Amino acid sequence: MAQVSVIEDAKDEIFNAAYDGVVGNPDGKVTVVEFYDYNCGYCKRALPDMQAMTEQDPDLRFVLKEFPILGPDSQKAHVVSMAFHRLMPAKYGEFHTRLLGGQGHASEANAMKIALELGADEAALREEMKNPAIGEAFEKTYNLANKLSITGTPSYVVGQEVIFGALGQEVLTEKVAAAKAACVETSC
């Protein structure tokens, strides 16, 4: 399958890119990579799945790939998110949960409001939002999504498999168990 070879060839970029946020155990034995958009209703409904899974499995690591595909407001909210992650990585999980779990449409204004409530310095954050590395990270994520045939959110990579859509905690937990079993067999 073409996706398996893409996952093998781009393993570091998928699972270990420095620009991606991580929740759960940063040193977890199994990783779920989620491509998401802050304005995706399915992503909002999938947020509790990630929270429950990381609570229940201390060996689980969630990598969050910022994939703003739902218009200019999404793009701007994700720029704030990336800048916040670069300045305050320890609080990124809380920022992510509040913005994705919040009511209404994500925008630069409400992303900025959450960032400031979490202690970000507005001037430093606005300066970081201009960093060309943010646009480069988005470009890498879009290219990776294209190679993996990901066109919507949420989409996940677990082990050697791409999962499209918010299929729920039960399905993701099964995929994680299969990835763990494959690691036991191959010592990955």
N, C-alpha and C. Protein backbone atom coordinates (compact mmCIF):
# COMPACT_ATOMS: atom_id res chain seq x y z
N MET A 1 0.83 -1.19 0.00
CA MET A 1 0.00 0.00 0.00
C MET A 1 0.87 1.24 0.00
N ALA A 2 0.50 2.23 -0.77
CA ALA A 2 1.30 3.45 -0.92
C ALA A 2 1.44 4.20 0.40
N GLN A 3 0.37 4.22 1.23
CA GLN A 3 0.44 4.95 2.49
C GLN A 3 1.48 4.37 3.44
N VAL A 4 1.62 3.05 3.43
CA VAL A 4 2.60 2.41 4.31
C VAL A 4 4.01 2.87 3.93
N SER A 5 4.30 2.95 2.64
CA SER A 5 5.64 3.40 2.24
C SER A 5 5.83 4.88 2.55
N VAL A 6 4.78 5.69 2.44
CA VAL A 6 4.88 7.10 2.82
C VAL A 6 5.16 7.21 4.31
N ILE A 7 4.45 6.42 5.11
CA ILE A 7 4.67 6.45 6.57
C ILE A 7 6.10 6.04 6.89
N GLU A 8 6.60 5.01 6.24
CA GLU A 8 8.00 4.59 6.46
C GLU A 8 8.98 5.69 6.05
N ASP A 9 8.77 6.26 4.85
CA ASP A 9 9.70 7.26 4.32
C ASP A 9 9.67 8.57 5.11
N ALA A 10 8.52 8.93 5.66
CA ALA A 10 8.37 10.21 6.35
C ALA A 10 8.15 10.03 7.85
N LYS A 11 8.65 8.93 8.38
CA LYS A 11 8.40 8.58 9.79
C LYS A 11 8.73 9.72 10.76
N ASP A 12 9.92 10.31 10.64
CA ASP A 12 10.30 11.39 11.56
C ASP A 12 9.40 12.60 11.41
N GLU A 13 9.10 12.96 10.18
CA GLU A 13 8.24 14.12 9.94
C GLU A 13 6.82 13.88 10.48
N ILE A 14 6.33 12.66 10.39
CA ILE A 14 4.99 12.35 10.88
C ILE A 14 4.97 12.30 12.41
N PHE A 15 5.88 11.57 12.99
CA PHE A 15 5.80 11.28 14.43
C PHE A 15 6.64 12.19 15.32
N ASN A 16 7.65 12.88 14.76
CA ASN A 16 8.59 13.61 15.63
C ASN A 16 8.94 15.01 15.17
N ALA A 17 8.09 15.66 14.39
CA ALA A 17 8.40 17.02 13.95
C ALA A 17 8.37 17.97 15.15
N ALA A 18 9.41 18.77 15.30
CA ALA A 18 9.53 19.67 16.44
C ALA A 18 8.41 20.71 16.50
N TYR A 19 7.81 21.03 15.36
CA TYR A 19 6.77 22.06 15.34
C TYR A 19 5.39 21.54 15.77
N ASP A 20 5.23 20.25 15.94
CA ASP A 20 3.94 19.69 16.36
C ASP A 20 3.81 19.69 17.87
N GLY A 21 2.59 19.90 18.34
CA GLY A 21 2.31 19.79 19.75
C GLY A 21 2.17 18.33 20.15
N VAL A 22 2.41 18.03 21.41
CA VAL A 22 2.29 16.67 21.93
C VAL A 22 1.49 16.72 23.22
N VAL A 23 0.51 15.83 23.35
CA VAL A 23 -0.21 15.66 24.61
C VAL A 23 -0.10 14.19 25.01
N GLY A 24 -0.42 13.93 26.26
CA GLY A 24 -0.21 12.58 26.77
C GLY A 24 1.23 12.43 27.21
N ASN A 25 1.76 11.24 27.11
CA ASN A 25 3.14 10.95 27.52
C ASN A 25 4.10 11.29 26.37
N PRO A 26 4.94 12.33 26.54
CA PRO A 26 5.85 12.70 25.45
C PRO A 26 6.81 11.58 25.05
N ASP A 27 7.02 10.62 25.96
CA ASP A 27 7.90 9.48 25.69
C ASP A 27 7.10 8.19 25.51
N GLY A 28 5.82 8.32 25.20
CA GLY A 28 4.94 7.16 25.08
C GLY A 28 5.43 6.15 24.05
N LYS A 29 5.08 4.89 24.28
CA LYS A 29 5.53 3.81 23.40
C LYS A 29 4.75 3.76 22.09
N VAL A 30 3.50 4.25 22.11
CA VAL A 30 2.69 4.28 20.89
C VAL A 30 2.20 5.70 20.67
N THR A 31 2.22 6.12 19.41
CA THR A 31 1.84 7.48 19.05
C THR A 31 0.63 7.47 18.12
N VAL A 32 -0.30 8.36 18.43
CA VAL A 32 -1.41 8.66 17.53
C VAL A 32 -1.14 10.06 17.00
N VAL A 33 -1.12 10.21 15.70
CA VAL A 33 -0.93 11.52 15.08
C VAL A 33 -2.29 11.98 14.57
N GLU A 34 -2.70 13.17 14.99
CA GLU A 34 -4.00 13.70 14.55
C GLU A 34 -3.79 14.95 13.71
N PHE A 35 -4.33 14.93 12.51
CA PHE A 35 -4.41 16.12 11.65
C PHE A 35 -5.76 16.77 11.99
N TYR A 36 -5.76 18.03 12.41
CA TYR A 36 -7.00 18.65 12.87
C TYR A 36 -7.07 20.12 12.45
N ASP A 37 -8.28 20.64 12.49
CA ASP A 37 -8.55 22.06 12.25
C ASP A 37 -9.40 22.54 13.43
N TYR A 38 -9.06 23.70 13.98
CA TYR A 38 -9.80 24.21 15.14
C TYR A 38 -11.27 24.49 14.85
N ASN A 39 -11.65 24.61 13.59
CA ASN A 39 -13.05 24.85 13.25
C ASN A 39 -13.77 23.62 12.74
N CYS A 40 -13.17 22.47 12.90
CA CYS A 40 -13.78 21.21 12.46
C CYS A 40 -14.69 20.68 13.57
N GLY A 41 -15.98 20.60 13.26
CA GLY A 41 -16.93 20.09 14.25
C GLY A 41 -16.64 18.65 14.67
N TYR A 42 -16.16 17.83 13.73
CA TYR A 42 -15.82 16.44 14.06
C TYR A 42 -14.59 16.39 14.97
N CYS A 43 -13.64 17.32 14.75
CA CYS A 43 -12.46 17.38 15.62
C CYS A 43 -12.88 17.76 17.04
N LYS A 44 -13.82 18.71 17.13
CA LYS A 44 -14.32 19.12 18.45
C LYS A 44 -14.96 17.93 19.18
N ARG A 45 -15.74 17.14 18.43
CA ARG A 45 -16.38 15.97 19.05
C ARG A 45 -15.37 14.87 19.38
N ALA A 46 -14.24 14.84 18.68
CA ALA A 46 -13.21 13.82 18.93
C ALA A 46 -12.28 14.20 20.08
N LEU A 47 -12.30 15.45 20.51
CA LEU A 47 -11.41 15.88 21.60
C LEU A 47 -11.56 15.03 22.87
N PRO A 48 -12.78 14.74 23.33
CA PRO A 48 -12.91 13.88 24.52
C PRO A 48 -12.32 12.48 24.33
N ASP A 49 -12.31 11.98 23.09
CA ASP A 49 -11.69 10.67 22.83
C ASP A 49 -10.21 10.72 23.17
N MET A 50 -9.53 11.77 22.67
CA MET A 50 -8.10 11.91 22.94
C MET A 50 -7.85 12.06 24.44
N GLN A 51 -8.67 12.87 25.09
CA GLN A 51 -8.49 13.09 26.53
C GLN A 51 -8.67 11.79 27.31
N ALA A 52 -9.70 11.04 27.00
CA ALA A 52 -9.94 9.78 27.71
C ALA A 52 -8.83 8.77 27.43
N MET A 53 -8.40 8.70 26.19
CA MET A 53 -7.35 7.73 25.83
C MET A 53 -6.04 8.04 26.53
N THR A 54 -5.65 9.32 26.59
CA THR A 54 -4.38 9.67 27.24
C THR A 54 -4.48 9.50 28.75
N GLU A 55 -5.68 9.66 29.31
CA GLU A 55 -5.87 9.41 30.75
C GLU A 55 -5.76 7.93 31.06
N GLN A 56 -6.35 7.10 30.20
CA GLN A 56 -6.41 5.65 30.45
C GLN A 56 -5.12 4.93 30.11
N ASP A 57 -4.32 5.50 29.23
CA ASP A 57 -3.11 4.80 28.77
C ASP A 57 -1.89 5.68 29.01
N PRO A 58 -1.13 5.42 30.06
CA PRO A 58 0.03 6.25 30.38
C PRO A 58 1.17 6.11 29.36
N ASP A 59 1.07 5.16 28.44
CA ASP A 59 2.09 4.98 27.41
C ASP A 59 1.69 5.59 26.07
N LEU A 60 0.61 6.37 26.05
CA LEU A 60 0.10 6.92 24.81
C LEU A 60 0.56 8.37 24.60
N ARG A 61 0.98 8.62 23.40
CA ARG A 61 1.46 9.95 22.99
C ARG A 61 0.61 10.40 21.82
N PHE A 62 0.02 11.58 21.92
CA PHE A 62 -0.76 12.17 20.82
C PHE A 62 0.05 13.30 20.22
N VAL A 63 0.32 13.24 18.92
CA VAL A 63 0.98 14.32 18.19
C VAL A 63 -0.12 15.07 17.44
N LEU A 64 -0.12 16.38 17.60
CA LEU A 64 -1.16 17.22 17.01
C LEU A 64 -0.60 17.99 15.82
N LYS A 65 -1.07 17.63 14.64
CA LYS A 65 -0.63 18.27 13.40
C LYS A 65 -1.64 19.36 13.03
N GLU A 66 -1.20 20.59 13.10
CA GLU A 66 -2.04 21.74 12.78
C GLU A 66 -2.28 21.73 11.27
N PHE A 67 -3.55 21.60 10.89
CA PHE A 67 -3.93 21.42 9.49
C PHE A 67 -5.13 22.32 9.18
N PRO A 68 -4.89 23.65 9.15
CA PRO A 68 -6.00 24.59 8.93
C PRO A 68 -6.48 24.58 7.49
N ILE A 69 -7.61 23.91 7.27
CA ILE A 69 -8.13 23.78 5.91
C ILE A 69 -9.52 24.39 5.75
N LEU A 70 -10.05 24.96 6.83
CA LEU A 70 -11.44 25.43 6.80
C LEU A 70 -11.55 26.96 6.75
N GLY A 71 -10.67 27.59 6.01
CA GLY A 71 -10.82 29.01 5.75
C GLY A 71 -9.86 29.91 6.51
N PRO A 72 -9.97 31.22 6.22
CA PRO A 72 -9.04 32.20 6.79
C PRO A 72 -9.05 32.27 8.32
N ASP A 73 -10.23 32.15 8.94
CA ASP A 73 -10.26 32.19 10.41
C ASP A 73 -9.49 31.01 11.00
N SER A 74 -9.63 29.84 10.40
CA SER A 74 -8.88 28.68 10.86
C SER A 74 -7.38 28.95 10.73
N GLN A 75 -6.98 29.45 9.59
CA GLN A 75 -5.56 29.74 9.35
C GLN A 75 -5.03 30.67 10.44
N LYS A 76 -5.76 31.74 10.72
CA LYS A 76 -5.31 32.73 11.72
C LYS A 76 -5.28 32.13 13.12
N ALA A 77 -6.29 31.32 13.47
CA ALA A 77 -6.31 30.68 14.79
C ALA A 77 -5.12 29.73 14.93
N HIS A 78 -4.80 29.02 13.86
CA HIS A 78 -3.68 28.09 13.90
C HIS A 78 -2.33 28.82 13.96
N VAL A 79 -2.23 30.00 13.37
CA VAL A 79 -0.99 30.78 13.48
C VAL A 79 -0.78 31.17 14.94
N VAL A 80 -1.84 31.61 15.61
CA VAL A 80 -1.72 31.93 17.05
C VAL A 80 -1.30 30.68 17.81
N SER A 81 -1.92 29.55 17.50
CA SER A 81 -1.61 28.29 18.17
C SER A 81 -0.14 27.90 18.00
N MET A 82 0.34 27.98 16.77
CA MET A 82 1.75 27.62 16.50
C MET A 82 2.69 28.56 17.25
N ALA A 83 2.38 29.86 17.25
CA ALA A 83 3.22 30.82 17.95
C ALA A 83 3.19 30.54 19.45
N PHE A 84 2.01 30.25 19.98
CA PHE A 84 1.88 29.92 21.41
C PHE A 84 2.70 28.68 21.74
N HIS A 85 2.60 27.66 20.89
CA HIS A 85 3.37 26.43 21.12
C HIS A 85 4.86 26.71 21.15
N ARG A 86 5.33 27.57 20.26
CA ARG A 86 6.76 27.89 20.19
C ARG A 86 7.22 28.64 21.45
N LEU A 87 6.35 29.48 22.01
CA LEU A 87 6.72 30.28 23.18
C LEU A 87 6.43 29.60 24.51
N MET A 88 5.37 28.81 24.56
CA MET A 88 4.93 28.22 25.83
C MET A 88 4.55 26.75 25.63
N PRO A 89 5.50 25.91 25.23
CA PRO A 89 5.16 24.50 24.92
C PRO A 89 4.53 23.75 26.08
N ALA A 90 4.89 24.09 27.31
CA ALA A 90 4.35 23.37 28.46
C ALA A 90 2.86 23.61 28.64
N LYS A 91 2.35 24.72 28.12
CA LYS A 91 0.93 25.02 28.25
C LYS A 91 0.15 24.77 26.96
N TYR A 92 0.81 24.23 25.96
CA TYR A 92 0.16 24.02 24.67
C TYR A 92 -1.05 23.09 24.77
N GLY A 93 -0.95 22.01 25.51
CA GLY A 93 -2.06 21.07 25.65
C GLY A 93 -3.30 21.77 26.20
N GLU A 94 -3.11 22.62 27.19
CA GLU A 94 -4.24 23.35 27.78
C GLU A 94 -4.82 24.34 26.76
N PHE A 95 -3.94 25.03 26.03
CA PHE A 95 -4.39 25.96 24.99
C PHE A 95 -5.22 25.20 23.95
N HIS A 96 -4.68 24.09 23.48
CA HIS A 96 -5.35 23.27 22.46
C HIS A 96 -6.74 22.84 22.94
N THR A 97 -6.82 22.35 24.15
CA THR A 97 -8.08 21.88 24.71
C THR A 97 -9.09 23.01 24.81
N ARG A 98 -8.64 24.16 25.25
CA ARG A 98 -9.57 25.29 25.41
C ARG A 98 -10.04 25.82 24.07
N LEU A 99 -9.15 25.92 23.08
CA LEU A 99 -9.57 26.46 21.79
C LEU A 99 -10.43 25.45 21.02
N LEU A 100 -9.99 24.21 20.97
CA LEU A 100 -10.77 23.19 20.24
C LEU A 100 -12.06 22.87 20.97
N GLY A 101 -12.02 22.86 22.29
CA GLY A 101 -13.19 22.50 23.09
C GLY A 101 -14.15 23.66 23.33
N GLY A 102 -13.76 24.85 22.90
CA GLY A 102 -14.60 26.02 23.13
C GLY A 102 -15.81 26.07 22.23
N GLN A 103 -16.74 26.92 22.61
CA GLN A 103 -17.96 27.12 21.81
C GLN A 103 -17.66 28.07 20.67
N GLY A 104 -18.37 27.91 19.60
CA GLY A 104 -18.28 28.87 18.50
C GLY A 104 -17.10 28.65 17.58
N HIS A 105 -16.91 29.62 16.74
CA HIS A 105 -15.94 29.60 15.66
C HIS A 105 -14.56 30.04 16.16
N ALA A 106 -13.53 29.27 15.86
CA ALA A 106 -12.17 29.65 16.25
C ALA A 106 -11.67 30.74 15.30
N SER A 107 -11.04 31.75 15.87
CA SER A 107 -10.51 32.87 15.09
C SER A 107 -9.24 33.36 15.77
N GLU A 108 -8.58 34.30 15.14
CA GLU A 108 -7.39 34.89 15.76
C GLU A 108 -7.76 35.51 17.10
N ALA A 109 -8.89 36.21 17.15
CA ALA A 109 -9.28 36.92 18.37
C ALA A 109 -9.49 35.97 19.55
N ASN A 110 -10.25 34.89 19.36
CA ASN A 110 -10.46 34.03 20.53
C ASN A 110 -9.24 33.16 20.83
N ALA A 111 -8.43 32.84 19.83
CA ALA A 111 -7.17 32.13 20.10
C ALA A 111 -6.24 33.04 20.92
N MET A 112 -6.18 34.30 20.54
CA MET A 112 -5.34 35.26 21.26
C MET A 112 -5.83 35.42 22.70
N LYS A 113 -7.14 35.49 22.88
CA LYS A 113 -7.73 35.65 24.22
C LYS A 113 -7.30 34.49 25.12
N ILE A 114 -7.40 33.26 24.60
CA ILE A 114 -7.00 32.08 25.39
C ILE A 114 -5.50 32.13 25.69
N ALA A 115 -4.70 32.48 24.69
CA ALA A 115 -3.24 32.54 24.89
C ALA A 115 -2.88 33.53 25.99
N LEU A 116 -3.53 34.69 25.99
CA LEU A 116 -3.23 35.70 27.01
C LEU A 116 -3.71 35.24 28.38
N GLU A 117 -4.87 34.58 28.44
CA GLU A 117 -5.36 34.04 29.72
C GLU A 117 -4.40 33.01 30.29
N LEU A 118 -3.68 32.31 29.41
CA LEU A 118 -2.72 31.30 29.87
C LEU A 118 -1.33 31.88 30.16
N GLY A 119 -1.22 33.20 30.06
CA GLY A 119 0.02 33.85 30.48
C GLY A 119 0.95 34.29 29.37
N ALA A 120 0.54 34.20 28.12
CA ALA A 120 1.41 34.64 27.02
C ALA A 120 1.54 36.16 27.03
N ASP A 121 2.69 36.63 26.65
CA ASP A 121 2.93 38.06 26.48
C ASP A 121 2.45 38.43 25.07
N GLU A 122 1.51 39.37 24.98
CA GLU A 122 0.89 39.66 23.68
C GLU A 122 1.90 40.15 22.65
N ALA A 123 2.80 41.04 23.05
CA ALA A 123 3.78 41.56 22.09
C ALA A 123 4.68 40.44 21.57
N ALA A 124 5.13 39.59 22.47
CA ALA A 124 6.00 38.47 22.06
C ALA A 124 5.24 37.50 21.17
N LEU A 125 3.98 37.25 21.51
CA LEU A 125 3.17 36.32 20.72
C LEU A 125 2.93 36.88 19.32
N ARG A 126 2.59 38.17 19.24
CA ARG A 126 2.35 38.78 17.92
C ARG A 126 3.63 38.78 17.08
N GLU A 127 4.76 38.97 17.72
CA GLU A 127 6.03 38.92 16.99
C GLU A 127 6.30 37.50 16.48
N GLU A 128 6.05 36.52 17.34
CA GLU A 128 6.28 35.12 16.95
C GLU A 128 5.33 34.70 15.82
N MET A 129 4.15 35.28 15.78
CA MET A 129 3.19 34.95 14.72
C MET A 129 3.73 35.31 13.33
N LYS A 130 4.72 36.18 13.28
CA LYS A 130 5.33 36.59 12.01
C LYS A 130 6.47 35.66 11.58
N ASN A 131 6.83 34.73 12.44
CA ASN A 131 7.96 33.83 12.18
C ASN A 131 7.68 32.99 10.93
N PRO A 132 8.56 33.05 9.93
CA PRO A 132 8.34 32.26 8.70
C PRO A 132 8.32 30.75 8.95
N ALA A 133 8.88 30.31 10.07
CA ALA A 133 8.87 28.87 10.38
C ALA A 133 7.44 28.34 10.54
N ILE A 134 6.51 29.20 10.92
CA ILE A 134 5.12 28.77 11.08
C ILE A 134 4.53 28.41 9.72
N GLY A 135 4.71 29.27 8.74
CA GLY A 135 4.23 28.97 7.39
C GLY A 135 4.91 27.75 6.80
N GLU A 136 6.21 27.60 7.10
CA GLU A 136 6.95 26.43 6.61
C GLU A 136 6.39 25.15 7.22
N ALA A 137 6.02 25.20 8.51
CA ALA A 137 5.45 24.02 9.18
C ALA A 137 4.11 23.66 8.54
N PHE A 138 3.28 24.67 8.27
CA PHE A 138 2.00 24.40 7.61
C PHE A 138 2.24 23.76 6.25
N GLU A 139 3.19 24.28 5.50
CA GLU A 139 3.48 23.74 4.17
C GLU A 139 3.92 22.27 4.26
N LYS A 140 4.77 21.96 5.23
CA LYS A 140 5.21 20.57 5.42
C LYS A 140 4.02 19.67 5.77
N THR A 141 3.13 20.18 6.62
CA THR A 141 1.96 19.39 7.01
C THR A 141 1.03 19.18 5.82
N TYR A 142 0.79 20.23 5.03
CA TYR A 142 -0.06 20.08 3.83
C TYR A 142 0.55 19.07 2.87
N ASN A 143 1.86 19.15 2.65
CA ASN A 143 2.52 18.20 1.73
C ASN A 143 2.41 16.78 2.25
N LEU A 144 2.62 16.61 3.55
CA LEU A 144 2.52 15.29 4.16
C LEU A 144 1.09 14.75 4.03
N ALA A 145 0.11 15.60 4.31
CA ALA A 145 -1.29 15.18 4.18
C ALA A 145 -1.58 14.76 2.74
N ASN A 146 -1.07 15.50 1.79
CA ASN A 146 -1.27 15.17 0.38
C ASN A 146 -0.68 13.79 0.06
N LYS A 147 0.53 13.53 0.54
CA LYS A 147 1.17 12.22 0.30
C LYS A 147 0.38 11.08 0.93
N LEU A 148 -0.27 11.38 2.07
CA LEU A 148 -1.03 10.35 2.80
C LEU A 148 -2.50 10.29 2.35
N SER A 149 -2.85 11.10 1.35
CA SER A 149 -4.24 11.19 0.84
C SER A 149 -5.22 11.70 1.88
N ILE A 150 -4.74 12.54 2.79
CA ILE A 150 -5.59 13.14 3.81
C ILE A 150 -6.15 14.44 3.25
N THR A 151 -7.47 14.51 3.19
CA THR A 151 -8.12 15.72 2.66
C THR A 151 -9.09 16.33 3.66
N GLY A 152 -9.32 15.67 4.78
CA GLY A 152 -10.25 16.18 5.77
C GLY A 152 -9.76 15.96 7.17
N THR A 153 -10.49 16.55 8.12
CA THR A 153 -10.13 16.43 9.52
C THR A 153 -11.33 15.90 10.30
N PRO A 154 -11.07 15.17 11.38
CA PRO A 154 -9.76 14.70 11.79
C PRO A 154 -9.34 13.49 10.96
N SER A 155 -8.06 13.36 10.80
CA SER A 155 -7.45 12.16 10.23
C SER A 155 -6.29 11.78 11.13
N TYR A 156 -6.03 10.50 11.21
CA TYR A 156 -5.04 10.00 12.15
C TYR A 156 -4.04 9.08 11.46
N VAL A 157 -2.84 9.02 12.04
CA VAL A 157 -1.87 7.99 11.68
C VAL A 157 -1.57 7.24 12.97
N VAL A 158 -1.78 5.94 12.93
CA VAL A 158 -1.48 5.07 14.07
C VAL A 158 -0.70 3.89 13.52
N GLY A 159 0.52 3.73 13.98
CA GLY A 159 1.35 2.64 13.47
C GLY A 159 1.59 2.84 11.98
N GLN A 160 1.21 1.85 11.19
CA GLN A 160 1.38 1.89 9.74
C GLN A 160 0.07 2.19 9.01
N GLU A 161 -0.88 2.79 9.71
CA GLU A 161 -2.21 2.96 9.14
C GLU A 161 -2.68 4.41 9.22
N VAL A 162 -3.38 4.86 8.17
CA VAL A 162 -4.04 6.16 8.17
C VAL A 162 -5.53 5.91 8.40
N ILE A 163 -6.11 6.65 9.34
CA ILE A 163 -7.52 6.50 9.67
C ILE A 163 -8.20 7.83 9.35
N PHE A 164 -9.23 7.78 8.55
CA PHE A 164 -9.93 8.98 8.12
C PHE A 164 -11.21 9.15 8.93
N GLY A 165 -11.40 10.32 9.51
CA GLY A 165 -12.66 10.65 10.18
C GLY A 165 -12.65 10.38 11.66
N ALA A 166 -13.66 10.94 12.32
CA ALA A 166 -13.84 10.79 13.76
C ALA A 166 -14.59 9.48 14.00
N LEU A 167 -13.87 8.41 14.12
CA LEU A 167 -14.49 7.09 14.25
C LEU A 167 -14.76 6.70 15.70
N GLY A 168 -14.29 7.53 16.64
CA GLY A 168 -14.58 7.29 18.04
C GLY A 168 -13.45 6.63 18.80
N GLN A 169 -13.56 6.74 20.11
CA GLN A 169 -12.53 6.23 21.01
C GLN A 169 -12.33 4.73 20.88
N GLU A 170 -13.41 3.99 20.72
CA GLU A 170 -13.30 2.53 20.65
C GLU A 170 -12.43 2.10 19.46
N VAL A 171 -12.69 2.68 18.29
CA VAL A 171 -11.92 2.33 17.09
C VAL A 171 -10.46 2.75 17.27
N LEU A 172 -10.24 3.97 17.76
CA LEU A 172 -8.85 4.42 17.95
C LEU A 172 -8.11 3.55 18.96
N THR A 173 -8.80 3.16 20.02
CA THR A 173 -8.17 2.30 21.03
C THR A 173 -7.79 0.96 20.42
N GLU A 174 -8.65 0.42 19.55
CA GLU A 174 -8.32 -0.84 18.85
C GLU A 174 -7.08 -0.66 17.97
N LYS A 175 -6.99 0.47 17.27
CA LYS A 175 -5.84 0.75 16.40
C LYS A 175 -4.56 0.88 17.22
N VAL A 176 -4.66 1.51 18.39
CA VAL A 176 -3.50 1.64 19.28
C VAL A 176 -3.06 0.27 19.77
N ALA A 177 -4.02 -0.57 20.15
CA ALA A 177 -3.70 -1.93 20.61
C ALA A 177 -3.00 -2.71 19.51
N ALA A 178 -3.49 -2.57 18.27
CA ALA A 178 -2.86 -3.27 17.14
C ALA A 178 -1.44 -2.75 16.91
N ALA A 179 -1.24 -1.44 17.04
CA ALA A 179 0.10 -0.86 16.86
C ALA A 179 1.04 -1.35 17.97
N LYS A 180 0.53 -1.44 19.19
CA LYS A 180 1.35 -1.96 20.30
C LYS A 180 1.74 -3.41 20.05
N ALA A 181 0.80 -4.21 19.58
CA ALA A 181 1.08 -5.61 19.29
C ALA A 181 2.12 -5.74 18.19
N ALA A 182 2.01 -4.90 17.17
CA ALA A 182 3.00 -4.92 16.07
C ALA A 182 4.38 -4.53 16.59
N CYS A 183 4.43 -3.60 17.54
CA CYS A 183 5.73 -3.21 18.11
C CYS A 183 6.35 -4.34 18.92
N VAL A 184 5.53 -5.09 19.63
CA VAL A 184 6.03 -6.23 20.40
C VAL A 184 6.64 -7.25 19.44
N GLU A 185 5.96 -7.47 18.33
CA GLU A 185 6.44 -8.45 17.35
C GLU A 185 7.72 -8.01 16.66
N THR A 186 7.85 -6.71 16.41
CA THR A 186 8.99 -6.20 15.62
C THR A 186 10.01 -5.42 16.45
N SER A 187 9.77 -5.30 17.75
CA SER A 187 10.63 -4.52 18.66
C SER A 187 10.82 -3.09 18.19
N CYS A 188 9.74 -2.45 17.77
CA CYS A 188 9.87 -1.06 17.31
C CYS A 188 9.88 -0.07 18.44
